[in-house]
Amino acid sequence: QLNDRIPATLRGTFAGLADPVNVAY
């Protein structure tokens, strides 16, 4: 939800966790 490295529309969602930034983390 507060990760400004991923698009704002994806934060806090299933798609947000699937973002390459989070998967790489």
PDB file of all heavy atoms in Angstrom:
ATOM      1  N   GLN A   1       0.813  -1.219   0.000  1.00  0.00           N
ATOM      2  CA  GLN A   1       0.000   0.000   0.000  1.00  0.00           C
ATOM      3  C   GLN A   1       0.847   1.270   0.000  1.00  0.00           C
ATOM      4  O   GLN A   1       0.476   2.279  -0.609  1.00  0.00           O
ATOM      5  CB  GLN A   1      -0.931   0.006   1.217  1.00  0.00           C
ATOM      6  CG  GLN A   1      -1.872   1.195   1.301  1.00  0.00           C
ATOM      7  CD  GLN A   1      -2.925   1.198   0.216  1.00  0.00           C
ATOM      8  OE1 GLN A   1      -3.284   0.138  -0.300  1.00  0.00           O
ATOM      9  NE2 GLN A   1      -3.436   2.359  -0.132  1.00  0.00           N
ATOM     10  N   LEU A   2       1.993   1.246   0.649  1.00  0.00           N
ATOM     11  CA  LEU A   2       2.840   2.448   0.746  1.00  0.00           C
ATOM     12  C   LEU A   2       4.108   2.331  -0.099  1.00  0.00           C
ATOM     13  O   LEU A   2       5.042   3.114   0.085  1.00  0.00           O
ATOM     14  CB  LEU A   2       3.225   2.691   2.212  1.00  0.00           C
ATOM     15  CG  LEU A   2       2.076   2.958   3.180  1.00  0.00           C
ATOM     16  CD1 LEU A   2       2.610   3.181   4.586  1.00  0.00           C
ATOM     17  CD2 LEU A   2       1.246   4.153   2.720  1.00  0.00           C
ATOM     18  N   ASN A   3       4.127   1.395  -1.020  1.00  0.00           N
ATOM     19  CA  ASN A   3       5.314   1.200  -1.854  1.00  0.00           C
ATOM     20  C   ASN A   3       5.257   2.124  -3.064  1.00  0.00           C
ATOM     21  O   ASN A   3       4.532   1.863  -4.029  1.00  0.00           O
ATOM     22  CB  ASN A   3       5.412  -0.260  -2.297  1.00  0.00           C
ATOM     23  CG  ASN A   3       6.755  -0.581  -2.930  1.00  0.00           C
ATOM     24  OD1 ASN A   3       7.490   0.311  -3.343  1.00  0.00           O
ATOM     25  ND2 ASN A   3       7.073  -1.861  -3.005  1.00  0.00           N
ATOM     26  N   ASP A   4       6.020   3.216  -3.030  1.00  0.00           N
ATOM     27  CA  ASP A   4       5.967   4.191  -4.125  1.00  0.00           C
ATOM     28  C   ASP A   4       6.784   3.763  -5.341  1.00  0.00           C
ATOM     29  O   ASP A   4       6.886   4.513  -6.316  1.00  0.00           O
ATOM     30  CB  ASP A   4       6.426   5.572  -3.642  1.00  0.00           C
ATOM     31  CG  ASP A   4       7.840   5.569  -3.074  1.00  0.00           C
ATOM     32  OD1 ASP A   4       8.541   4.537  -3.208  1.00  0.00           O
ATOM     33  OD2 ASP A   4       8.237   6.598  -2.492  1.00  0.00           O
ATOM     34  N   ARG A   5       7.338   2.547  -5.302  1.00  0.00           N
ATOM     35  CA  ARG A   5       8.080   2.040  -6.456  1.00  0.00           C
ATOM     36  C   ARG A   5       7.177   1.293  -7.437  1.00  0.00           C
ATOM     37  O   ARG A   5       7.624   0.866  -8.496  1.00  0.00           O
ATOM     38  CB  ARG A   5       9.215   1.128  -6.005  1.00  0.00           C
ATOM     39  CG  ARG A   5      10.280   1.832  -5.162  1.00  0.00           C
ATOM     40  CD  ARG A   5      11.405   0.876  -4.842  1.00  0.00           C
ATOM     41  NE  ARG A   5      12.078   0.414  -6.057  1.00  0.00           N
ATOM     42  CZ  ARG A   5      12.805  -0.695  -6.144  1.00  0.00           C
ATOM     43  NH1 ARG A   5      12.921  -1.483  -5.073  1.00  0.00           N
ATOM     44  NH2 ARG A   5      13.383  -1.035  -7.280  1.00  0.00           N
ATOM     45  N   ILE A   6       5.913   1.118  -7.063  1.00  0.00           N
ATOM     46  CA  ILE A   6       4.973   0.494  -7.986  1.00  0.00           C
ATOM     47  C   ILE A   6       3.862   1.497  -8.294  1.00  0.00           C
ATOM     48  O   ILE A   6       3.643   2.455  -7.542  1.00  0.00           O
ATOM     49  CB  ILE A   6       4.384  -0.811  -7.413  1.00  0.00           C
ATOM     50  CG1 ILE A   6       3.479  -0.526  -6.212  1.00  0.00           C
ATOM     51  CG2 ILE A   6       5.494  -1.773  -7.018  1.00  0.00           C
ATOM     52  CD1 ILE A   6       2.730  -1.754  -5.712  1.00  0.00           C
ATOM     53  N   PRO A   7       3.135   1.325  -9.410  1.00  0.00           N
ATOM     54  CA  PRO A   7       2.079   2.281  -9.772  1.00  0.00           C
ATOM     55  C   PRO A   7       1.039   2.434  -8.667  1.00  0.00           C
ATOM     56  O   PRO A   7       0.662   1.452  -8.017  1.00  0.00           O
ATOM     57  CB  PRO A   7       1.465   1.656 -11.033  1.00  0.00           C
ATOM     58  CG  PRO A   7       2.552   0.825 -11.622  1.00  0.00           C
ATOM     59  CD  PRO A   7       3.324   0.290 -10.443  1.00  0.00           C
ATOM     60  N   ALA A   8       0.580   3.661  -8.480  1.00  0.00           N
ATOM     61  CA  ALA A   8      -0.364   3.953  -7.398  1.00  0.00           C
ATOM     62  C   ALA A   8      -1.642   3.132  -7.518  1.00  0.00           C
ATOM     63  O   ALA A   8      -2.231   2.729  -6.510  1.00  0.00           O
ATOM     64  CB  ALA A   8      -0.692   5.438  -7.390  1.00  0.00           C
ATOM     65  N   THR A   9      -2.080   2.854  -8.744  1.00  0.00           N
ATOM     66  CA  THR A   9      -3.329   2.116  -8.943  1.00  0.00           C
ATOM     67  C   THR A   9      -3.216   0.651  -8.532  1.00  0.00           C
ATOM     68  O   THR A   9      -4.235  -0.021  -8.362  1.00  0.00           O
ATOM     69  CB  THR A   9      -3.766   2.186 -10.406  1.00  0.00           C
ATOM     70  OG1 THR A   9      -2.695   1.711 -11.238  1.00  0.00           O
ATOM     71  CG2 THR A   9      -4.126   3.615 -10.798  1.00  0.00           C
ATOM     72  N   LEU A  10      -1.996   0.153  -8.374  1.00  0.00           N
ATOM     73  CA  LEU A  10      -1.795  -1.255  -8.039  1.00  0.00           C
ATOM     74  C   LEU A  10      -1.503  -1.480  -6.563  1.00  0.00           C
ATOM     75  O   LEU A  10      -1.541  -2.622  -6.090  1.00  0.00           O
ATOM     76  CB  LEU A  10      -0.639  -1.841  -8.860  1.00  0.00           C
ATOM     77  CG  LEU A  10      -0.751  -1.777 -10.376  1.00  0.00           C
ATOM     78  CD1 LEU A  10       0.435  -2.491 -11.017  1.00  0.00           C
ATOM     79  CD2 LEU A  10      -2.068  -2.380 -10.860  1.00  0.00           C
ATOM     80  N   ARG A  11      -1.213  -0.430  -5.839  1.00  0.00           N
ATOM     81  CA  ARG A  11      -0.784  -0.593  -4.456  1.00  0.00           C
ATOM     82  C   ARG A  11      -1.895  -1.208  -3.597  1.00  0.00           C
ATOM     83  O   ARG A  11      -3.049  -0.830  -3.693  1.00  0.00           O
ATOM     84  CB  ARG A  11      -0.364   0.760  -3.871  1.00  0.00           C
ATOM     85  CG  ARG A  11       0.853   1.347  -4.569  1.00  0.00           C
ATOM     86  CD  ARG A  11       1.154   2.762  -4.114  1.00  0.00           C
ATOM     87  NE  ARG A  11       2.110   3.388  -5.029  1.00  0.00           N
ATOM     88  CZ  ARG A  11       2.385   4.680  -5.051  1.00  0.00           C
ATOM     89  NH1 ARG A  11       1.792   5.506  -4.185  1.00  0.00           N
ATOM     90  NH2 ARG A  11       3.249   5.163  -5.928  1.00  0.00           N
ATOM     91  N   GLY A  12      -1.502  -2.178  -2.772  1.00  0.00           N
ATOM     92  CA  GLY A  12      -2.445  -2.823  -1.870  1.00  0.00           C
ATOM     93  C   GLY A  12      -3.328  -3.867  -2.520  1.00  0.00           C
ATOM     94  O   GLY A  12      -4.332  -4.263  -1.933  1.00  0.00           O
ATOM     95  N   THR A  13      -2.953  -4.354  -3.709  1.00  0.00           N
ATOM     96  CA  THR A  13      -3.804  -5.287  -4.450  1.00  0.00           C
ATOM     97  C   THR A  13      -3.041  -6.547  -4.840  1.00  0.00           C
ATOM     98  O   THR A  13      -1.823  -6.635  -4.686  1.00  0.00           O
ATOM     99  CB  THR A  13      -4.335  -4.622  -5.731  1.00  0.00           C
ATOM    100  OG1 THR A  13      -3.231  -4.407  -6.640  1.00  0.00           O
ATOM    101  CG2 THR A  13      -5.013  -3.296  -5.424  1.00  0.00           C
ATOM    102  N   PHE A  14      -3.805  -7.512  -5.380  1.00  0.00           N
ATOM    103  CA  PHE A  14      -3.172  -8.709  -5.934  1.00  0.00           C
ATOM    104  C   PHE A  14      -2.180  -8.325  -7.019  1.00  0.00           C
ATOM    105  O   PHE A  14      -1.052  -8.839  -7.072  1.00  0.00           O
ATOM    106  CB  PHE A  14      -4.231  -9.647  -6.517  1.00  0.00           C
ATOM    107  CG  PHE A  14      -5.215 -10.183  -5.518  1.00  0.00           C
ATOM    108  CD1 PHE A  14      -6.587 -10.129  -5.761  1.00  0.00           C
ATOM    109  CD2 PHE A  14      -4.791 -10.753  -4.333  1.00  0.00           C
ATOM    110  CE1 PHE A  14      -7.499 -10.630  -4.857  1.00  0.00           C
ATOM    111  CE2 PHE A  14      -5.693 -11.263  -3.404  1.00  0.00           C
ATOM    112  CZ  PHE A  14      -7.060 -11.191  -3.668  1.00  0.00           C
ATOM    113  N   ALA A  15      -2.601  -7.420  -7.895  1.00  0.00           N
ATOM    114  CA  ALA A  15      -1.718  -6.976  -8.978  1.00  0.00           C
ATOM    115  C   ALA A  15      -0.497  -6.256  -8.429  1.00  0.00           C
ATOM    116  O   ALA A  15       0.586  -6.314  -9.023  1.00  0.00           O
ATOM    117  CB  ALA A  15      -2.484  -6.070  -9.939  1.00  0.00           C
ATOM    118  N   GLY A  16      -0.662  -5.580  -7.298  1.00  0.00           N
ATOM    119  CA  GLY A  16       0.469  -4.894  -6.689  1.00  0.00           C
ATOM    120  C   GLY A  16       1.523  -5.864  -6.203  1.00  0.00           C
ATOM    121  O   GLY A  16       2.726  -5.649  -6.389  1.00  0.00           O
ATOM    122  N   LEU A  17       1.090  -6.960  -5.581  1.00  0.00           N
ATOM    123  CA  LEU A  17       2.058  -7.966  -5.136  1.00  0.00           C
ATOM    124  C   LEU A  17       2.741  -8.627  -6.323  1.00  0.00           C
ATOM    125  O   LEU A  17       3.909  -9.008  -6.243  1.00  0.00           O
ATOM    126  CB  LEU A  17       1.361  -9.022  -4.275  1.00  0.00           C
ATOM    127  CG  LEU A  17       2.254 -10.131  -3.708  1.00  0.00           C
ATOM    128  CD1 LEU A  17       3.402  -9.554  -2.871  1.00  0.00           C
ATOM    129  CD2 LEU A  17       1.442 -11.121  -2.884  1.00  0.00           C
ATOM    130  N   ALA A  18       2.018  -8.740  -7.438  1.00  0.00           N
ATOM    131  CA  ALA A  18       2.580  -9.369  -8.631  1.00  0.00           C
ATOM    132  C   ALA A  18       3.496  -8.445  -9.417  1.00  0.00           C
ATOM    133  O   ALA A  18       4.145  -8.886 -10.380  1.00  0.00           O
ATOM    134  CB  ALA A  18       1.448  -9.848  -9.538  1.00  0.00           C
ATOM    135  N   ASP A  19       3.573  -7.161  -9.037  1.00  0.00           N
ATOM    136  CA  ASP A  19       4.437  -6.226  -9.756  1.00  0.00           C
ATOM    137  C   ASP A  19       5.888  -6.718  -9.713  1.00  0.00           C
ATOM    138  O   ASP A  19       6.353  -7.235  -8.680  1.00  0.00           O
ATOM    139  CB  ASP A  19       4.348  -4.842  -9.111  1.00  0.00           C
ATOM    140  CG  ASP A  19       5.109  -3.786  -9.896  1.00  0.00           C
ATOM    141  OD1 ASP A  19       4.506  -3.171 -10.777  1.00  0.00           O
ATOM    142  OD2 ASP A  19       6.316  -3.605  -9.629  1.00  0.00           O
ATOM    143  N   PRO A  20       6.625  -6.588 -10.811  1.00  0.00           N
ATOM    144  CA  PRO A  20       8.013  -7.072 -10.856  1.00  0.00           C
ATOM    145  C   PRO A  20       8.889  -6.560  -9.718  1.00  0.00           C
ATOM    146  O   PRO A  20       9.795  -7.266  -9.265  1.00  0.00           O
ATOM    147  CB  PRO A  20       8.506  -6.574 -12.217  1.00  0.00           C
ATOM    148  CG  PRO A  20       7.271  -6.487 -13.060  1.00  0.00           C
ATOM    149  CD  PRO A  20       6.182  -6.060 -12.129  1.00  0.00           C
ATOM    150  N   VAL A  21       8.634  -5.345  -9.237  1.00  0.00           N
ATOM    151  CA  VAL A  21       9.425  -4.801  -8.134  1.00  0.00           C
ATOM    152  C   VAL A  21       9.263  -5.668  -6.886  1.00  0.00           C
ATOM    153  O   VAL A  21      10.244  -6.008  -6.204  1.00  0.00           O
ATOM    154  CB  VAL A  21       9.013  -3.345  -7.841  1.00  0.00           C
ATOM    155  CG1 VAL A  21       9.600  -2.867  -6.511  1.00  0.00           C
ATOM    156  CG2 VAL A  21       9.457  -2.429  -8.968  1.00  0.00           C
ATOM    157  N   ASN A  22       8.022  -6.033  -6.577  1.00  0.00           N
ATOM    158  CA  ASN A  22       7.773  -6.824  -5.380  1.00  0.00           C
ATOM    159  C   ASN A  22       8.221  -8.271  -5.544  1.00  0.00           C
ATOM    160  O   ASN A  22       8.742  -8.885  -4.598  1.00  0.00           O
ATOM    161  CB  ASN A  22       6.288  -6.772  -5.018  1.00  0.00           C
ATOM    162  CG  ASN A  22       5.904  -5.444  -4.379  1.00  0.00           C
ATOM    163  OD1 ASN A  22       6.708  -4.823  -3.690  1.00  0.00           O
ATOM    164  ND2 ASN A  22       4.682  -5.004  -4.626  1.00  0.00           N
ATOM    165  N   VAL A  23       8.014  -8.830  -6.717  1.00  0.00           N
ATOM    166  CA  VAL A  23       8.454 -10.209  -6.950  1.00  0.00           C
ATOM    167  C   VAL A  23       9.971 -10.301  -6.837  1.00  0.00           C
ATOM    168  O   VAL A  23      10.511 -11.229  -6.222  1.00  0.00           O
ATOM    169  CB  VAL A  23       7.972 -10.704  -8.328  1.00  0.00           C
ATOM    170  CG1 VAL A  23       8.539 -12.090  -8.618  1.00  0.00           C
ATOM    171  CG2 VAL A  23       6.448 -10.745  -8.376  1.00  0.00           C
ATOM    172  N   ALA A  24      10.670  -9.314  -7.397  1.00  0.00           N
ATOM    173  CA  ALA A  24      12.135  -9.299  -7.301  1.00  0.00           C
ATOM    174  C   ALA A  24      12.580  -9.162  -5.847  1.00  0.00           C
ATOM    175  O   ALA A  24      13.581  -9.766  -5.435  1.00  0.00           O
ATOM    176  CB  ALA A  24      12.704  -8.164  -8.142  1.00  0.00           C
ATOM    177  N   TYR A  25      11.848  -8.375  -5.071  1.00  0.00           N
ATOM    178  CA  TYR A  25      12.176  -8.222  -3.646  1.00  0.00           C
ATOM    179  C   TYR A  25      12.080  -9.558  -2.927  1.00  0.00           C
ATOM    180  O   TYR A  25      12.980  -9.938  -2.163  1.00  0.00           O
ATOM    181  CB  TYR A  25      11.236  -7.202  -3.005  1.00  0.00           C
ATOM    182  CG  TYR A  25      11.457  -7.045  -1.510  1.00  0.00           C
ATOM    183  CD1 TYR A  25      12.411  -6.164  -1.024  1.00  0.00           C
ATOM    184  CD2 TYR A  25      10.719  -7.795  -0.592  1.00  0.00           C
ATOM    185  CE1 TYR A  25      12.627  -6.028   0.348  1.00  0.00           C
ATOM    186  CE2 TYR A  25      10.928  -7.672   0.768  1.00  0.00           C
ATOM    187  CZ  TYR A  25      11.881  -6.789   1.236  1.00  0.00           C
ATOM    188  OH  TYR A  25      12.105  -6.670   2.586  1.00  0.00           O
TER     189      TYR A  25
END
